Amino acid sequence: MFNPRGNLKIIRHTHVQAPGTDILIALMLQIIDGGLAGVIFLLPFVMGGRHPLGQLILAALAAITALAWAVRQTLRPHPNWRPTWALALISTGLILVLFQTIPLPQSVLERLAPSHANVLPL
């Protein structure tokens, strides 16, 4: 950049963090790790029963982990998020979910599943 003295000089912008931000960033990383570990190691033990407790724990762990990740990304001076092939997989899954919520015309349903009306009468 150009400074008032007339010579070129590189000016670097640094981010000033609030005190204790590094500790909070490290805590968020531990919460993220704990949420992922809970999904991998705890959730299989509670998903097998007839009670919907496993679904509650899955939703809670997913929400807490996502919130901790978002807070960590917000607090970091240089948040990093690299698009990978997983983004294409997640996008495809979201499109599939959206496609499943759109009601299909009766003619398309009859072509895809001819015996659907006999199996599930309305």
Protein backbone atom coordinates (compact mmCIF):
# COMPACT_ATOMS: atom_id res chain seq x y z
CA MET A 1 0.00 0.00 0.00
CA PHE A 2 1.03 3.60 -0.41
CA ASN A 3 1.84 5.54 2.71
CA PRO A 4 1.98 9.36 3.08
CA ARG A 5 5.80 9.49 2.98
CA GLY A 6 5.76 8.47 -0.65
CA ASN A 7 7.35 5.05 -0.52
CA LEU A 8 5.70 1.70 -0.95
CA LYS A 9 5.37 -0.37 2.12
CA ILE A 10 3.53 -3.55 2.93
CA ILE A 11 1.04 -3.03 5.70
CA ARG A 12 -0.08 -6.19 7.40
CA HIS A 13 -3.39 -6.32 9.11
CA THR A 14 -3.41 -8.35 12.27
CA HIS A 15 -6.45 -9.54 14.15
CA VAL A 16 -6.60 -8.63 17.81
CA GLN A 17 -8.35 -11.23 19.90
CA ALA A 18 -10.11 -10.65 23.16
CA PRO A 19 -8.39 -12.11 26.21
CA GLY A 20 -9.39 -15.70 26.85
CA THR A 21 -10.46 -16.36 23.26
CA ASP A 22 -7.80 -19.04 22.80
CA ILE A 23 -9.15 -20.91 25.81
CA LEU A 24 -12.70 -20.69 24.44
CA ILE A 25 -11.54 -21.90 21.01
CA ALA A 26 -9.83 -24.88 22.65
CA LEU A 27 -12.97 -25.61 24.69
CA MET A 28 -15.11 -25.55 21.54
CA LEU A 29 -12.73 -28.04 19.91
CA GLN A 30 -13.07 -30.34 22.93
CA ILE A 31 -16.87 -30.08 22.73
CA ILE A 32 -16.74 -30.92 19.00
CA ASP A 33 -14.51 -33.93 19.70
CA GLY A 34 -16.77 -35.04 22.54
CA GLY A 35 -19.86 -34.78 20.35
CA LEU A 36 -18.30 -36.83 17.59
CA ALA A 37 -17.04 -39.40 20.09
CA GLY A 38 -20.51 -39.59 21.64
CA VAL A 39 -22.09 -40.27 18.26
CA ILE A 40 -19.56 -43.00 17.52
CA PHE A 41 -19.24 -44.68 20.92
CA LEU A 42 -22.35 -43.81 22.99
CA LEU A 43 -25.14 -43.65 20.45
CA PRO A 44 -25.07 -47.31 19.32
CA PHE A 45 -25.91 -48.38 22.87
CA VAL A 46 -29.04 -46.22 23.12
CA MET A 47 -30.40 -46.47 19.56
CA GLY A 48 -31.43 -50.12 19.73
CA GLY A 49 -34.36 -49.90 22.13
CA ARG A 50 -38.01 -49.15 21.60
CA HIS A 51 -37.80 -45.85 23.44
CA PRO A 52 -36.96 -42.74 21.37
CA LEU A 53 -34.18 -41.77 23.78
CA GLY A 54 -31.54 -42.59 21.16
CA GLN A 55 -33.11 -40.18 18.69
CA LEU A 56 -33.12 -37.45 21.34
CA ILE A 57 -29.45 -38.06 22.13
CA LEU A 58 -28.56 -38.06 18.42
CA ALA A 59 -30.37 -34.76 17.85
CA ALA A 60 -28.81 -33.20 20.96
CA LEU A 61 -25.28 -34.32 20.08
CA ALA A 62 -25.67 -33.10 16.50
CA ALA A 63 -27.02 -29.70 17.61
CA ILE A 64 -24.36 -29.20 20.28
CA THR A 65 -21.55 -30.25 17.94
CA ALA A 66 -22.79 -27.99 15.13
CA LEU A 67 -23.20 -25.04 17.50
CA ALA A 68 -19.71 -25.54 18.95
CA TRP A 69 -18.24 -25.72 15.44
CA ALA A 70 -20.02 -22.51 14.42
CA VAL A 71 -18.85 -20.69 17.56
CA ARG A 72 -15.29 -21.92 17.02
CA GLN A 73 -15.30 -20.76 13.40
CA THR A 74 -16.61 -17.36 14.52
CA LEU A 75 -13.96 -16.91 17.22
CA ARG A 76 -10.96 -17.95 15.16
CA PRO A 77 -8.98 -15.09 13.59
CA HIS A 78 -8.68 -17.01 10.32
CA PRO A 79 -11.58 -19.47 10.07
CA ASN A 80 -10.81 -22.35 7.79
CA TRP A 81 -13.32 -24.36 5.85
CA ARG A 82 -12.26 -26.14 2.71
CA PRO A 83 -14.84 -27.51 0.31
CA THR A 84 -14.24 -31.22 -0.21
CA TRP A 85 -16.05 -34.08 -1.90
CA ALA A 86 -18.07 -34.44 1.28
CA LEU A 87 -19.81 -31.19 0.36
CA ALA A 88 -21.07 -32.80 -2.85
CA LEU A 89 -22.33 -35.78 -0.85
CA ILE A 90 -24.12 -33.55 1.67
CA SER A 91 -25.62 -31.43 -1.11
CA THR A 92 -26.86 -34.56 -2.89
CA GLY A 93 -28.43 -35.77 0.35
CA LEU A 94 -30.20 -32.45 0.88
CA ILE A 95 -31.50 -32.48 -2.69
CA LEU A 96 -32.77 -36.03 -2.14
CA VAL A 97 -34.57 -34.97 1.04
CA LEU A 98 -36.15 -32.03 -0.77
CA PHE A 99 -37.16 -34.30 -3.65
CA GLN A 100 -38.87 -36.70 -1.24
CA THR A 101 -41.03 -33.93 0.19
CA ILE A 102 -42.43 -32.87 -3.19
CA PRO A 103 -45.73 -34.63 -3.94
CA LEU A 104 -45.62 -36.47 -7.26
CA PRO A 105 -48.53 -36.48 -9.68
CA GLN A 106 -50.75 -39.59 -9.61
CA SER A 107 -49.66 -40.63 -13.10
CA VAL A 108 -45.99 -40.68 -12.05
CA LEU A 109 -46.83 -42.64 -8.88
CA GLU A 110 -48.74 -45.25 -10.90
CA ARG A 111 -45.80 -45.64 -13.25
CA LEU A 112 -43.19 -45.93 -10.46
CA ALA A 113 -45.23 -48.25 -8.20
CA PRO A 114 -48.19 -49.86 -10.00
CA SER A 115 -49.39 -51.82 -6.95
CA HIS A 116 -49.05 -48.91 -4.54
CA ALA A 117 -52.78 -48.17 -4.57
CA ASN A 118 -53.57 -51.82 -3.69
CA VAL A 119 -51.03 -52.04 -0.87
CA LEU A 120 -51.79 -48.65 0.71
CA PRO A 121 -55.40 -47.71 -0.04
CA LEU A 122 -56.55 -44.27 1.00
